[in-house]
Amino acid sequence: MSAVEGWDEVNHRLVRTYAFNDFKQAKAFIDAVSAVCEQQQHHAELSFGWGYAVIEMYSHDEGGITQRDVVLATAINDLEASM
């Protein structure tokens, strides 16, 4: 599986950590990511707090990273670039 810019492969998952200036920015980003996940019907594991957000994804049914994960990570990268 090819790498996606900005994402790391950790324990058969794509993982990316984001930094923000405050809780409100982190939550707004997570809300936007949630909408992208819902559109794609592929739901990443999302966590956030004051000044950070962490996104992890893998295809549960395949037990690892698949093309669906790469497509979602790329869409999240595009989302980040547009914000």
PDB file of N, CA and C in Angstrom:
ATOM      1  N   MET A   1       0.861  -1.178   0.000  1.00  0.00           N
ATOM      2  CA  MET A   1       0.000   0.000   0.000  1.00  0.00           C
ATOM      3  C   MET A   1       0.901   1.233   0.000  1.00  0.00           C
ATOM      4  N   SER A   2       0.624   2.147  -0.884  1.00  0.00           N
ATOM      5  CA  SER A   2       1.461   3.345  -0.959  1.00  0.00           C
ATOM      6  C   SER A   2       1.155   4.294   0.198  1.00  0.00           C
ATOM      7  N   ALA A   3       2.170   5.028   0.571  1.00  0.00           N
ATOM      8  CA  ALA A   3       2.044   5.985   1.682  1.00  0.00           C
ATOM      9  C   ALA A   3       1.208   7.184   1.250  1.00  0.00           C
ATOM     10  N   VAL A   4       0.556   7.784   2.213  1.00  0.00           N
ATOM     11  CA  VAL A   4      -0.203   9.009   1.988  1.00  0.00           C
ATOM     12  C   VAL A   4       0.547  10.127   2.699  1.00  0.00           C
ATOM     13  N   GLU A   5       0.747  11.243   2.007  1.00  0.00           N
ATOM     14  CA  GLU A   5       1.520  12.342   2.567  1.00  0.00           C
ATOM     15  C   GLU A   5       0.985  12.764   3.930  1.00  0.00           C
ATOM     16  N   GLY A   6       1.890  12.836   4.909  1.00  0.00           N
ATOM     17  CA  GLY A   6       1.546  13.301   6.242  1.00  0.00           C
ATOM     18  C   GLY A   6       1.062  12.213   7.186  1.00  0.00           C
ATOM     19  N   TRP A   7       0.806  11.028   6.674  1.00  0.00           N
ATOM     20  CA  TRP A   7       0.276   9.933   7.481  1.00  0.00           C
ATOM     21  C   TRP A   7       1.373   8.905   7.742  1.00  0.00           C
ATOM     22  N   ASP A   8       1.323   8.305   8.933  1.00  0.00           N
ATOM     23  CA  ASP A   8       2.252   7.241   9.289  1.00  0.00           C
ATOM     24  C   ASP A   8       1.496   5.925   9.368  1.00  0.00           C
ATOM     25  N   GLU A   9       2.188   4.834   9.080  1.00  0.00           N
ATOM     26  CA  GLU A   9       1.607   3.516   9.287  1.00  0.00           C
ATOM     27  C   GLU A   9       2.093   3.010  10.634  1.00  0.00           C
ATOM     28  N   VAL A  10       1.152   2.779  11.544  1.00  0.00           N
ATOM     29  CA  VAL A  10       1.454   2.311  12.891  1.00  0.00           C
ATOM     30  C   VAL A  10       0.520   1.143  13.196  1.00  0.00           C
ATOM     31  N   ASN A  11       1.082  -0.019  13.462  1.00  0.00           N
ATOM     32  CA  ASN A  11       0.289  -1.204  13.801  1.00  0.00           C
ATOM     33  C   ASN A  11      -0.822  -1.463  12.783  1.00  0.00           C
ATOM     34  N   HIS A  12      -0.471  -1.416  11.511  1.00  0.00           N
ATOM     35  CA  HIS A  12      -1.401  -1.709  10.407  1.00  0.00           C
ATOM     36  C   HIS A  12      -2.550  -0.711  10.321  1.00  0.00           C
ATOM     37  N   ARG A  13      -2.280   0.533  10.744  1.00  0.00           N
ATOM     38  CA  ARG A  13      -3.259   1.613  10.660  1.00  0.00           C
ATOM     39  C   ARG A  13      -2.577   2.837  10.077  1.00  0.00           C
ATOM     40  N   LEU A  14      -3.373   3.696   9.417  1.00  0.00           N
ATOM     41  CA  LEU A  14      -2.890   5.021   9.045  1.00  0.00           C
ATOM     42  C   LEU A  14      -3.195   5.948  10.206  1.00  0.00           C
ATOM     43  N   VAL A  15      -2.195   6.721  10.627  1.00  0.00           N
ATOM     44  CA  VAL A  15      -2.336   7.585  11.795  1.00  0.00           C
ATOM     45  C   VAL A  15      -1.764   8.961  11.469  1.00  0.00           C
ATOM     46  N   ARG A  16      -2.497   9.978  11.912  1.00  0.00           N
ATOM     47  CA  ARG A  16      -1.989  11.343  11.767  1.00  0.00           C
ATOM     48  C   ARG A  16      -2.435  12.168  12.964  1.00  0.00           C
ATOM     49  N   THR A  17      -1.513  12.983  13.477  1.00  0.00           N
ATOM     50  CA  THR A  17      -1.796  13.890  14.585  1.00  0.00           C
ATOM     51  C   THR A  17      -1.723  15.316  14.060  1.00  0.00           C
ATOM     52  N   TYR A  18      -2.699  16.118  14.459  1.00  0.00           N
ATOM     53  CA  TYR A  18      -2.788  17.516  14.039  1.00  0.00           C
ATOM     54  C   TYR A  18      -2.663  18.410  15.260  1.00  0.00           C
ATOM     55  N   ALA A  19      -2.054  19.576  15.082  1.00  0.00           N
ATOM     56  CA  ALA A  19      -1.952  20.571  16.159  1.00  0.00           C
ATOM     57  C   ALA A  19      -2.808  21.781  15.806  1.00  0.00           C
ATOM     58  N   PHE A  20      -3.473  22.333  16.817  1.00  0.00           N
ATOM     59  CA  PHE A  20      -4.331  23.502  16.648  1.00  0.00           C
ATOM     60  C   PHE A  20      -4.046  24.501  17.760  1.00  0.00           C
ATOM     61  N   ASN A  21      -4.555  25.701  17.592  1.00  0.00           N
ATOM     62  CA  ASN A  21      -4.329  26.743  18.583  1.00  0.00           C
ATOM     63  C   ASN A  21      -5.173  26.588  19.831  1.00  0.00           C
ATOM     64  N   ASP A  22      -6.290  25.870  19.717  1.00  0.00           N
ATOM     65  CA  ASP A  22      -7.174  25.732  20.870  1.00  0.00           C
ATOM     66  C   ASP A  22      -8.164  24.588  20.658  1.00  0.00           C
ATOM     67  N   PHE A  23      -9.012  24.391  21.627  1.00  0.00           N
ATOM     68  CA  PHE A  23     -10.011  23.322  21.597  1.00  0.00           C
ATOM     69  C   PHE A  23     -11.018  23.550  20.474  1.00  0.00           C
ATOM     70  N   LYS A  24     -11.449  24.782  20.294  1.00  0.00           N
ATOM     71  CA  LYS A  24     -12.470  25.102  19.296  1.00  0.00           C
ATOM     72  C   LYS A  24     -11.999  24.748  17.887  1.00  0.00           C
ATOM     73  N   GLN A  25     -10.753  25.051  17.551  1.00  0.00           N
ATOM     74  CA  GLN A  25     -10.222  24.708  16.233  1.00  0.00           C
ATOM     75  C   GLN A  25     -10.127  23.196  16.047  1.00  0.00           C
ATOM     76  N   ALA A  26      -9.685  22.504  17.078  1.00  0.00           N
ATOM     77  CA  ALA A  26      -9.584  21.047  17.001  1.00  0.00           C
ATOM     78  C   ALA A  26     -10.960  20.424  16.790  1.00  0.00           C
ATOM     79  N   LYS A  27     -11.953  20.906  17.520  1.00  0.00           N
ATOM     80  CA  LYS A  27     -13.307  20.366  17.388  1.00  0.00           C
ATOM     81  C   LYS A  27     -13.887  20.666  16.011  1.00  0.00           C
ATOM     82  N   ALA A  28     -13.677  21.853  15.496  1.00  0.00           N
ATOM     83  CA  ALA A  28     -14.176  22.204  14.163  1.00  0.00           C
ATOM     84  C   ALA A  28     -13.571  21.282  13.103  1.00  0.00           C
ATOM     85  N   PHE A  29     -12.291  20.985  13.243  1.00  0.00           N
ATOM     86  CA  PHE A  29     -11.637  20.083  12.300  1.00  0.00           C
ATOM     87  C   PHE A  29     -12.223  18.682  12.410  1.00  0.00           C
ATOM     88  N   ILE A  30     -12.377  18.183  13.614  1.00  0.00           N
ATOM     89  CA  ILE A  30     -12.959  16.851  13.817  1.00  0.00           C
ATOM     90  C   ILE A  30     -14.380  16.794  13.267  1.00  0.00           C
ATOM     91  N   ASP A  31     -15.155  17.838  13.461  1.00  0.00           N
ATOM     92  CA  ASP A  31     -16.512  17.882  12.908  1.00  0.00           C
ATOM     93  C   ASP A  31     -16.475  17.775  11.380  1.00  0.00           C
ATOM     94  N   ALA A  32     -15.551  18.490  10.746  1.00  0.00           N
ATOM     95  CA  ALA A  32     -15.426  18.444   9.290  1.00  0.00           C
ATOM     96  C   ALA A  32     -14.958  17.064   8.822  1.00  0.00           C
ATOM     97  N   VAL A  33     -14.015  16.484   9.539  1.00  0.00           N
ATOM     98  CA  VAL A  33     -13.541  15.138   9.204  1.00  0.00           C
ATOM     99  C   VAL A  33     -14.683  14.134   9.349  1.00  0.00           C
ATOM    100  N   SER A  34     -15.495  14.289  10.379  1.00  0.00           N
ATOM    101  CA  SER A  34     -16.634  13.384  10.581  1.00  0.00           C
ATOM    102  C   SER A  34     -17.566  13.397   9.380  1.00  0.00           C
ATOM    103  N   ALA A  35     -17.795  14.568   8.813  1.00  0.00           N
ATOM    104  CA  ALA A  35     -18.666  14.685   7.642  1.00  0.00           C
ATOM    105  C   ALA A  35     -18.067  13.947   6.441  1.00  0.00           C
ATOM    106  N   VAL A  36     -16.756  14.059   6.250  1.00  0.00           N
ATOM    107  CA  VAL A  36     -16.091  13.348   5.157  1.00  0.00           C
ATOM    108  C   VAL A  36     -16.203  11.838   5.373  1.00  0.00           C
ATOM    109  N   CYS A  37     -15.986  11.390   6.589  1.00  0.00           N
ATOM    110  CA  CYS A  37     -16.116   9.963   6.903  1.00  0.00           C
ATOM    111  C   CYS A  37     -17.527   9.471   6.598  1.00  0.00           C
ATOM    112  N   GLU A  38     -18.506  10.244   6.984  1.00  0.00           N
ATOM    113  CA  GLU A  38     -19.895   9.863   6.752  1.00  0.00           C
ATOM    114  C   GLU A  38     -20.196   9.800   5.255  1.00  0.00           C
ATOM    115  N   GLN A  39     -19.702  10.763   4.490  1.00  0.00           N
ATOM    116  CA  GLN A  39     -19.904  10.761   3.032  1.00  0.00           C
ATOM    117  C   GLN A  39     -19.325   9.502   2.395  1.00  0.00           C
ATOM    118  N   GLN A  40     -18.180   9.077   2.891  1.00  0.00           N
ATOM    119  CA  GLN A  40     -17.513   7.905   2.324  1.00  0.00           C
ATOM    120  C   GLN A  40     -17.970   6.593   2.956  1.00  0.00           C
ATOM    121  N   GLN A  41     -18.790   6.684   4.001  1.00  0.00           N
ATOM    122  CA  GLN A  41     -19.221   5.488   4.731  1.00  0.00           C
ATOM    123  C   GLN A  41     -18.020   4.640   5.169  1.00  0.00           C
ATOM    124  N   HIS A  42     -16.989   5.353   5.619  1.00  0.00           N
ATOM    125  CA  HIS A  42     -15.783   4.698   6.152  1.00  0.00           C
ATOM    126  C   HIS A  42     -15.367   5.538   7.348  1.00  0.00           C
ATOM    127  N   HIS A  43     -15.502   4.998   8.526  1.00  0.00           N
ATOM    128  CA  HIS A  43     -15.430   5.803   9.737  1.00  0.00           C
ATOM    129  C   HIS A  43     -14.116   5.595  10.476  1.00  0.00           C
ATOM    130  N   ALA A  44     -13.331   6.651  10.498  1.00  0.00           N
ATOM    131  CA  ALA A  44     -12.042   6.644  11.188  1.00  0.00           C
ATOM    132  C   ALA A  44     -12.261   6.742  12.695  1.00  0.00           C
ATOM    133  N   GLU A  45     -11.240   6.410  13.446  1.00  0.00           N
ATOM    134  CA  GLU A  45     -11.257   6.607  14.892  1.00  0.00           C
ATOM    135  C   GLU A  45     -10.705   8.007  15.147  1.00  0.00           C
ATOM    136  N   LEU A  46     -11.500   8.836  15.795  1.00  0.00           N
ATOM    137  CA  LEU A  46     -11.168  10.241  15.995  1.00  0.00           C
ATOM    138  C   LEU A  46     -11.052  10.543  17.477  1.00  0.00           C
ATOM    139  N   SER A  47     -10.013  11.277  17.850  1.00  0.00           N
ATOM    140  CA  SER A  47      -9.902  11.766  19.222  1.00  0.00           C
ATOM    141  C   SER A  47      -9.315  13.171  19.166  1.00  0.00           C
ATOM    142  N   PHE A  48      -9.707  13.982  20.137  1.00  0.00           N
ATOM    143  CA  PHE A  48      -9.208  15.355  20.146  1.00  0.00           C
ATOM    144  C   PHE A  48      -9.310  15.926  21.544  1.00  0.00           C
ATOM    145  N   GLY A  49      -8.612  17.029  21.737  1.00  0.00           N
ATOM    146  CA  GLY A  49      -8.629  17.753  22.994  1.00  0.00           C
ATOM    147  C   GLY A  49      -8.107  19.157  22.734  1.00  0.00           C
ATOM    148  N   TRP A  50      -7.697  19.817  23.784  1.00  0.00           N
ATOM    149  CA  TRP A  50      -7.221  21.188  23.634  1.00  0.00           C
ATOM    150  C   TRP A  50      -5.971  21.201  22.761  1.00  0.00           C
ATOM    151  N   GLY A  51      -6.101  21.736  21.549  1.00  0.00           N
ATOM    152  CA  GLY A  51      -4.962  21.949  20.677  1.00  0.00           C
ATOM    153  C   GLY A  51      -4.490  20.749  19.870  1.00  0.00           C
ATOM    154  N   TYR A  52      -5.235  19.653  19.857  1.00  0.00           N
ATOM    155  CA  TYR A  52      -4.778  18.503  19.062  1.00  0.00           C
ATOM    156  C   TYR A  52      -5.958  17.665  18.578  1.00  0.00           C
ATOM    157  N   ALA A  53      -5.697  16.921  17.525  1.00  0.00           N
ATOM    158  CA  ALA A  53      -6.630  15.904  17.034  1.00  0.00           C
ATOM    159  C   ALA A  53      -5.796  14.743  16.504  1.00  0.00           C
ATOM    160  N   VAL A  54      -6.284  13.536  16.728  1.00  0.00           N
ATOM    161  CA  VAL A  54      -5.618  12.336  16.236  1.00  0.00           C
ATOM    162  C   VAL A  54      -6.637  11.534  15.426  1.00  0.00           C
ATOM    163  N   ILE A  55      -6.219  11.122  14.240  1.00  0.00           N
ATOM    164  CA  ILE A  55      -7.072  10.309  13.377  1.00  0.00           C
ATOM    165  C   ILE A  55      -6.339   8.997  13.108  1.00  0.00           C
ATOM    166  N   GLU A  56      -7.057   7.896  13.313  1.00  0.00           N
ATOM    167  CA  GLU A  56      -6.534   6.565  13.015  1.00  0.00           C
ATOM    168  C   GLU A  56      -7.544   5.858  12.147  1.00  0.00           C
ATOM    169  N   MET A  57      -7.052   5.120  11.160  1.00  0.00           N
ATOM    170  CA  MET A  57      -7.988   4.363  10.335  1.00  0.00           C
ATOM    171  C   MET A  57      -7.366   3.095   9.801  1.00  0.00           C
ATOM    172  N   TYR A  58      -8.229   2.122   9.649  1.00  0.00           N
ATOM    173  CA  TYR A  58      -7.902   0.881   8.964  1.00  0.00           C
ATOM    174  C   TYR A  58      -9.231   0.221   8.624  1.00  0.00           C
ATOM    175  N   SER A  59      -9.176  -0.728   7.720  1.00  0.00           N
ATOM    176  CA  SER A  59     -10.390  -1.435   7.322  1.00  0.00           C
ATOM    177  C   SER A  59     -10.558  -2.644   8.238  1.00  0.00           C
ATOM    178  N   HIS A  60     -11.521  -2.543   9.144  1.00  0.00           N
ATOM    179  CA  HIS A  60     -11.737  -3.587  10.148  1.00  0.00           C
ATOM    180  C   HIS A  60     -11.956  -4.957   9.491  1.00  0.00           C
ATOM    181  N   ASP A  61     -12.738  -4.957   8.428  1.00  0.00           N
ATOM    182  CA  ASP A  61     -13.077  -6.223   7.777  1.00  0.00           C
ATOM    183  C   ASP A  61     -11.883  -6.875   7.082  1.00  0.00           C
ATOM    184  N   GLU A  62     -10.858  -6.084   6.776  1.00  0.00           N
ATOM    185  CA  GLU A  62      -9.657  -6.610   6.125  1.00  0.00           C
ATOM    186  C   GLU A  62      -8.486  -6.752   7.106  1.00  0.00           C
ATOM    187  N   GLY A  63      -8.639  -6.192   8.304  1.00  0.00           N
ATOM    188  CA  GLY A  63      -7.594  -6.304   9.311  1.00  0.00           C
ATOM    189  C   GLY A  63      -6.357  -5.467   9.032  1.00  0.00           C
ATOM    190  N   GLY A  64      -6.514  -4.406   8.263  1.00  0.00           N
ATOM    191  CA  GLY A  64      -5.370  -3.549   7.956  1.00  0.00           C
ATOM    192  C   GLY A  64      -5.757  -2.433   7.008  1.00  0.00           C
ATOM    193  N   ILE A  65      -4.752  -1.820   6.443  1.00  0.00           N
ATOM    194  CA  ILE A  65      -4.940  -0.677   5.553  1.00  0.00           C
ATOM    195  C   ILE A  65      -5.325  -1.171   4.164  1.00  0.00           C
ATOM    196  N   THR A  66      -6.372  -0.560   3.607  1.00  0.00           N
ATOM    197  CA  THR A  66      -6.802  -0.868   2.247  1.00  0.00           C
ATOM    198  C   THR A  66      -6.901   0.421   1.444  1.00  0.00           C
ATOM    199  N   GLN A  67      -7.294   0.294   0.201  1.00  0.00           N
ATOM    200  CA  GLN A  67      -7.463   1.452  -0.661  1.00  0.00           C
ATOM    201  C   GLN A  67      -8.502   2.409  -0.087  1.00  0.00           C
ATOM    202  N   ARG A  68      -9.526   1.901   0.600  1.00  0.00           N
ATOM    203  CA  ARG A  68     -10.528   2.779   1.229  1.00  0.00           C
ATOM    204  C   ARG A  68      -9.873   3.740   2.209  1.00  0.00           C
ATOM    205  N   ASP A  69      -8.894   3.253   2.952  1.00  0.00           N
ATOM    206  CA  ASP A  69      -8.189   4.093   3.927  1.00  0.00           C
ATOM    207  C   ASP A  69      -7.348   5.153   3.220  1.00  0.00           C
ATOM    208  N   VAL A  70      -6.700   4.769   2.147  1.00  0.00           N
ATOM    209  CA  VAL A  70      -5.886   5.714   1.381  1.00  0.00           C
ATOM    210  C   VAL A  70      -6.775   6.812   0.801  1.00  0.00           C
ATOM    211  N   VAL A  71      -7.923   6.436   0.267  1.00  0.00           N
ATOM    212  CA  VAL A  71      -8.858   7.412  -0.306  1.00  0.00           C
ATOM    213  C   VAL A  71      -9.351   8.372   0.780  1.00  0.00           C
ATOM    214  N   LEU A  72      -9.700   7.839   1.958  1.00  0.00           N
ATOM    215  CA  LEU A  72     -10.171   8.688   3.049  1.00  0.00           C
ATOM    216  C   LEU A  72      -9.057   9.604   3.554  1.00  0.00           C
ATOM    217  N   ALA A  73      -7.862   9.077   3.723  1.00  0.00           N
ATOM    218  CA  ALA A  73      -6.749   9.916   4.186  1.00  0.00           C
ATOM    219  C   ALA A  73      -6.468  11.038   3.184  1.00  0.00           C
ATOM    220  N   THR A  74      -6.540  10.740   1.906  1.00  0.00           N
ATOM    221  CA  THR A  74      -6.330  11.757   0.872  1.00  0.00           C
ATOM    222  C   THR A  74      -7.429  12.816   0.946  1.00  0.00           C
ATOM    223  N   ALA A  75      -8.672  12.400   1.163  1.00  0.00           N
ATOM    224  CA  ALA A  75      -9.784  13.354   1.288  1.00  0.00           C
ATOM    225  C   ALA A  75      -9.596  14.241   2.519  1.00  0.00           C
ATOM    226  N   ILE A  76      -9.084  13.677   3.605  1.00  0.00           N
ATOM    227  CA  ILE A  76      -8.828  14.468   4.811  1.00  0.00           C
ATOM    228  C   ILE A  76      -7.699  15.465   4.549  1.00  0.00           C
ATOM    229  N   ASN A  77      -6.672  15.041   3.815  1.00  0.00           N
ATOM    230  CA  ASN A  77      -5.611  15.974   3.422  1.00  0.00           C
ATOM    231  C   ASN A  77      -6.181  17.127   2.608  1.00  0.00           C
ATOM    232  N   ASP A  78      -7.085  16.817   1.681  1.00  0.00           N
ATOM    233  CA  ASP A  78      -7.709  17.861   0.856  1.00  0.00           C
ATOM    234  C   ASP A  78      -8.546  18.799   1.733  1.00  0.00           C
ATOM    235  N   LEU A  79      -9.240  18.227   2.699  1.00  0.00           N
ATOM    236  CA  LEU A  79     -10.041  19.025   3.628  1.00  0.00           C
ATOM    237  C   LEU A  79      -9.144  19.994   4.407  1.00  0.00           C
ATOM    238  N   GLU A  80      -8.051  19.476   4.933  1.00  0.00           N
ATOM    239  CA  GLU A  80      -7.115  20.307   5.690  1.00  0.00           C
ATOM    240  C   GLU A  80      -6.616  21.469   4.841  1.00  0.00           C
ATOM    241  N   ALA A  81      -6.301  21.189   3.583  1.00  0.00           N
ATOM    242  CA  ALA A  81      -5.775  22.219   2.690  1.00  0.00           C
ATOM    243  C   ALA A  81      -6.820  23.303   2.407  1.00  0.00           C
ATOM    244  N   SER A  82      -8.104  22.940   2.485  1.00  0.00           N
ATOM    245  CA  SER A  82      -9.166  23.899   2.177  1.00  0.00           C
ATOM    246  C   SER A  82      -9.617  24.727   3.379  1.00  0.00           C
ATOM    247  N   MET A  83      -9.157  24.359   4.561  1.00  0.00           N
ATOM    248  CA  MET A  83      -9.601  25.061   5.772  1.00  0.00           C
ATOM    249  C   MET A  83      -8.720  26.263   6.069  1.00  0.00           C
TER     250      MET A  83
END
